Amino acid sequence: MIAKIKQFLNSMIPPDSPEFDKSLAIVCLLCEVCVADHQSASEEETAVVHTLQKLLNIDANNASRLLQEGMKEVSASNSVFDFTSQLGELDSDARIDVIKAMWEIAYADGHLDEMEEALIRKVASLLYVNHSDFIKTKLSVVPAH
């Protein structure tokens, strides 16, 4: 399964580029948020597609294909560590941006599930994002009531 994502990313990012594994890992982390509450809302999937379009500068069709392949990879994965371990060399701002993107996906359906929050908390810890930035990014994307 990971081969299809890698093949797709090959067409956009050279596989020997450090950005290649990072992009793959970020796709999978965003997909993890979609399924954290054991159901994938269409609003969350749409948010992932939009986020991938911005992050990777690709069109909606390619972002949708990447989402589907990422979902397959997530279902075959044992742990988010499979993905966070690829992001160790990101600078602090980039790690915070990943957490913010995860919050945006979690809130896309208008509801934050406790499993989504637990996942994002775990990823933030694995990426060494400090707690204050974890909270700041959450507050920056909370929908107004």
Protein backbone atom coordinates (compact mmCIF):
# COMPACT_ATOMS: atom_id res chain seq x y z
CA MET A 1 0.00 0.00 0.00
CA ILE A 2 2.71 2.44 0.88
CA ALA A 3 4.14 1.79 -2.57
CA LYS A 4 1.18 3.54 -4.22
CA ILE A 5 1.63 6.64 -2.07
CA LYS A 6 5.35 6.64 -2.75
CA GLN A 7 4.73 6.22 -6.47
CA PHE A 8 2.29 9.12 -6.45
CA LEU A 9 4.66 11.33 -4.47
CA ASN A 10 7.46 10.37 -6.87
CA SER A 11 5.60 12.23 -9.57
CA MET A 12 5.64 15.40 -7.47
CA ILE A 13 8.67 15.15 -5.21
CA PRO A 14 11.90 13.29 -6.01
CA PRO A 15 12.15 10.26 -3.70
CA ASP A 16 15.70 11.18 -2.66
CA SER A 17 14.43 14.52 -1.40
CA PRO A 18 14.01 14.87 2.36
CA GLU A 19 10.56 16.28 1.62
CA PHE A 20 9.40 12.94 0.21
CA ASP A 21 9.13 10.99 3.48
CA LYS A 22 7.86 14.06 5.30
CA SER A 23 5.01 14.53 2.84
CA LEU A 24 4.06 10.87 3.07
CA ALA A 25 4.09 11.01 6.88
CA ILE A 26 1.99 14.18 7.00
CA VAL A 27 -0.61 12.67 4.65
CA CYS A 28 -0.91 9.67 6.94
CA LEU A 29 -1.16 11.78 10.12
CA LEU A 30 -3.99 13.81 8.61
CA CYS A 31 -5.74 10.57 7.65
CA GLU A 32 -5.24 9.30 11.21
CA VAL A 33 -7.31 12.23 12.48
CA CYS A 34 -10.11 11.34 10.06
CA VAL A 35 -10.43 7.84 11.50
CA ALA A 36 -9.51 8.52 15.13
CA ASP A 37 -13.15 8.49 16.19
CA HIS A 38 -13.76 5.29 14.18
CA GLN A 39 -15.77 7.10 11.56
CA SER A 40 -14.60 9.25 8.73
CA ALA A 41 -16.77 12.32 8.19
CA SER A 42 -16.94 13.68 4.67
CA GLU A 43 -16.17 17.16 6.04
CA GLU A 44 -12.93 15.85 7.52
CA GLU A 45 -11.93 14.17 4.27
CA THR A 46 -12.71 17.38 2.36
CA ALA A 47 -10.54 19.30 4.83
CA VAL A 48 -7.68 16.84 4.25
CA VAL A 49 -7.98 17.32 0.49
CA HIS A 50 -7.85 21.12 0.88
CA THR A 51 -4.91 20.89 3.27
CA LEU A 52 -2.99 18.60 0.90
CA GLN A 53 -3.68 20.98 -1.98
CA LYS A 54 -2.11 23.82 0.02
CA LEU A 55 0.79 21.86 1.50
CA LEU A 56 1.85 20.03 -1.64
CA ASN A 57 0.60 22.49 -4.26
CA ILE A 58 -1.46 19.84 -6.08
CA ASP A 59 -4.93 19.80 -7.61
CA ALA A 60 -8.04 18.37 -5.93
CA ASN A 61 -7.96 15.10 -7.92
CA ASN A 62 -4.39 14.33 -6.90
CA ALA A 63 -5.10 15.33 -3.30
CA SER A 64 -8.13 12.98 -3.27
CA ARG A 65 -6.01 10.12 -4.60
CA LEU A 66 -3.41 10.81 -1.95
CA LEU A 67 -6.12 10.85 0.74
CA GLN A 68 -7.37 7.43 -0.36
CA GLU A 69 -3.90 5.94 -0.40
CA GLY A 70 -3.13 7.52 2.97
CA MET A 71 -6.29 5.97 4.43
CA LYS A 72 -5.18 2.54 3.22
CA GLU A 73 -1.75 3.04 4.77
CA VAL A 74 -3.25 4.16 8.08
CA SER A 75 -5.45 1.06 8.25
CA ALA A 76 -2.36 -1.12 7.80
CA SER A 77 -0.21 0.78 10.29
CA ASN A 78 0.42 -0.28 13.87
CA SER A 79 1.18 3.13 15.34
CA VAL A 80 1.41 6.84 14.61
CA PHE A 81 5.09 6.46 15.44
CA ASP A 82 5.43 4.94 11.96
CA PHE A 83 4.67 8.42 10.66
CA THR A 84 6.03 10.77 13.35
CA SER A 85 9.44 9.11 13.18
CA GLN A 86 9.74 10.49 9.63
CA LEU A 87 9.28 14.08 10.85
CA GLY A 88 12.12 14.38 13.34
CA GLU A 89 14.07 16.86 11.26
CA LEU A 90 11.22 19.34 10.84
CA ASP A 91 11.90 22.68 12.45
CA SER A 92 9.73 23.83 15.33
CA ASP A 93 7.41 25.97 13.17
CA ALA A 94 6.80 23.11 10.75
CA ARG A 95 5.98 20.70 13.59
CA ILE A 96 3.53 23.24 14.99
CA ASP A 97 1.99 23.60 11.51
CA VAL A 98 1.42 19.82 11.38
CA ILE A 99 -0.39 19.95 14.73
CA LYS A 100 -2.47 22.92 13.57
CA ALA A 101 -3.45 21.06 10.39
CA MET A 102 -4.48 18.08 12.51
CA TRP A 103 -6.69 20.34 14.66
CA GLU A 104 -8.27 21.78 11.51
CA ILE A 105 -9.15 18.29 10.33
CA ALA A 106 -10.52 17.32 13.74
CA TYR A 107 -12.81 20.36 13.86
CA ALA A 108 -13.89 20.12 10.20
CA ASP A 109 -17.08 18.24 11.10
CA GLY A 110 -17.95 20.76 13.81
CA HIS A 111 -17.22 18.32 16.63
CA LEU A 112 -14.03 17.39 18.45
CA ASP A 113 -14.08 13.78 19.55
CA GLU A 114 -12.01 12.83 22.59
CA MET A 115 -10.16 10.25 20.51
CA GLU A 116 -9.17 12.93 17.99
CA GLU A 117 -7.84 15.12 20.78
CA ALA A 118 -5.94 12.21 22.34
CA LEU A 119 -4.36 11.41 18.96
CA ILE A 120 -3.28 15.00 18.37
CA ARG A 121 -1.90 15.20 21.93
CA LYS A 122 0.11 12.01 21.32
CA VAL A 123 1.46 13.26 17.98
CA ALA A 124 2.37 16.62 19.52
CA SER A 125 4.31 14.79 22.21
CA LEU A 126 6.09 12.57 19.68
CA LEU A 127 7.01 15.64 17.61
CA TYR A 128 8.23 17.52 20.69
CA VAL A 129 5.68 20.29 20.32
CA ASN A 130 5.43 21.96 23.70
CA HIS A 131 2.12 22.05 25.51
CA SER A 132 1.61 25.79 25.15
CA ASP A 133 1.90 25.53 21.35
CA PHE A 134 -0.42 22.50 21.41
CA ILE A 135 -3.03 24.65 23.20
CA LYS A 136 -2.40 27.77 21.07
CA THR A 137 -2.92 25.84 17.84
CA LYS A 138 -6.09 24.27 19.18
CA LEU A 139 -7.51 27.64 20.22
CA SER A 140 -6.59 29.15 16.85
CA VAL A 141 -8.86 26.71 14.99
CA VAL A 142 -11.76 26.24 17.44
CA PRO A 143 -14.94 27.24 15.61
CA ALA A 144 -16.79 30.23 17.05
CA HIS A 145 -20.09 29.38 18.67
